[in-house]
């Protein structure tokens, strides 16, 4: 199978990249929210070294935006990362 874009992050993989592109194509933030949570979980599982990084929300958001071919909003993704961390008791940034 031939793809238009190369894999941006081999740890996350092509399927996550295609998922990010499809998520970015959804029209509203409300529709994207559950899928952005899944994408954030995939990125966090692929990059456990970022779990204690001081700029974790920005790092995850930058990668998610790059994977989505710039269709996701970095602020929206960073907010999802913060919410997930707060839910897990990892502290608020």
Protein backbone atom coordinates (compact mmCIF):
# COMPACT_ATOMS: atom_id res chain seq x y z
CA UNK A 1 0.00 0.00 0.00
CA UNK A 2 1.31 3.45 -0.89
CA UNK A 3 0.78 6.42 1.43
CA UNK A 4 1.06 10.14 0.68
CA UNK A 5 3.08 10.90 3.81
CA UNK A 6 5.94 9.14 5.53
CA UNK A 7 5.61 7.92 9.11
CA UNK A 8 6.41 10.86 11.39
CA UNK A 9 6.98 8.89 14.59
CA UNK A 10 7.78 5.19 14.35
CA UNK A 11 7.04 4.63 18.03
CA UNK A 12 3.47 5.83 17.56
CA UNK A 13 3.10 4.31 14.09
CA UNK A 14 1.20 4.75 10.86
CA UNK A 15 -2.19 3.66 12.23
CA UNK A 16 -2.07 6.37 14.90
CA UNK A 17 -1.06 8.88 12.23
CA UNK A 18 -4.03 7.91 10.05
CA UNK A 19 -6.26 8.03 13.14
CA UNK A 20 -4.99 11.55 13.94
CA UNK A 21 -5.70 12.72 10.39
CA UNK A 22 -9.24 11.33 10.56
CA UNK A 23 -9.79 12.87 13.99
CA UNK A 24 -8.66 16.27 12.75
CA UNK A 25 -11.19 16.06 9.94
CA UNK A 26 -14.12 15.97 12.38
CA UNK A 27 -15.98 19.31 12.35
CA UNK A 28 -16.37 20.18 16.04
CA UNK A 29 -14.33 19.95 19.23
CA UNK A 30 -17.17 18.04 20.89
CA UNK A 31 -17.03 15.35 18.20
CA UNK A 32 -13.23 15.21 18.33
CA UNK A 33 -12.91 15.02 22.12
CA UNK A 34 -13.20 11.23 22.65
CA UNK A 35 -10.92 10.56 19.70
CA UNK A 36 -8.34 13.09 20.88
CA UNK A 37 -8.34 11.28 24.25
CA UNK A 38 -7.60 8.00 22.46
CA UNK A 39 -4.85 9.65 20.39
CA UNK A 40 -3.29 11.14 23.54
CA UNK A 41 -3.35 7.71 25.19
CA UNK A 42 -1.61 6.17 22.16
CA UNK A 43 1.08 8.85 22.24
CA UNK A 44 1.57 8.53 26.01
CA UNK A 45 1.92 4.75 25.71
CA UNK A 46 4.44 5.15 22.91
CA UNK A 47 6.49 7.78 24.76
CA UNK A 48 6.56 6.83 28.47
CA UNK A 49 9.69 8.96 28.88
CA UNK A 50 7.45 12.04 28.57
CA UNK A 51 5.34 11.12 31.62
CA UNK A 52 7.37 13.31 33.98
CA UNK A 53 8.42 15.96 31.47
CA UNK A 54 7.62 19.52 32.61
CA UNK A 55 6.28 20.41 29.15
CA UNK A 56 4.39 17.14 28.60
CA UNK A 57 1.10 18.73 27.40
CA UNK A 58 2.97 20.79 24.79
CA UNK A 59 5.14 17.85 23.68
CA UNK A 60 2.15 15.54 23.22
CA UNK A 61 0.16 18.32 21.51
CA UNK A 62 2.99 19.10 19.07
CA UNK A 63 3.27 15.45 18.07
CA UNK A 64 -0.52 15.03 17.77
CA UNK A 65 -0.76 18.13 15.57
CA UNK A 66 2.09 16.91 13.37
CA UNK A 67 0.51 13.45 13.08
CA UNK A 68 -2.81 15.04 12.07
CA UNK A 69 -1.15 17.03 9.28
CA UNK A 70 -1.87 20.26 11.19
CA UNK A 71 -5.64 19.69 11.37
CA UNK A 72 -5.82 19.45 15.17
CA UNK A 73 -5.59 22.48 17.46
CA UNK A 74 -2.57 22.23 19.79
CA UNK A 75 -4.41 24.01 22.62
CA UNK A 76 -7.28 21.54 22.40
CA UNK A 77 -4.89 18.57 22.56
CA UNK A 78 -2.86 20.07 25.44
CA UNK A 79 -6.08 20.61 27.40
CA UNK A 80 -6.99 16.94 26.93
CA UNK A 81 -3.54 15.91 28.20
CA UNK A 82 -4.00 18.08 31.31
CA UNK A 83 -7.49 16.67 31.96
CA UNK A 84 -6.23 13.08 31.64
CA UNK A 85 -3.36 13.79 34.04
CA UNK A 86 -5.71 15.40 36.57
CA UNK A 87 -8.10 12.42 36.34
CA UNK A 88 -5.22 10.06 37.07
CA UNK A 89 -4.02 12.19 39.97
CA UNK A 90 -0.76 13.15 38.31
CA UNK A 91 -1.15 16.77 39.32
CA UNK A 92 -2.24 19.87 37.50
CA UNK A 93 0.29 21.87 35.54
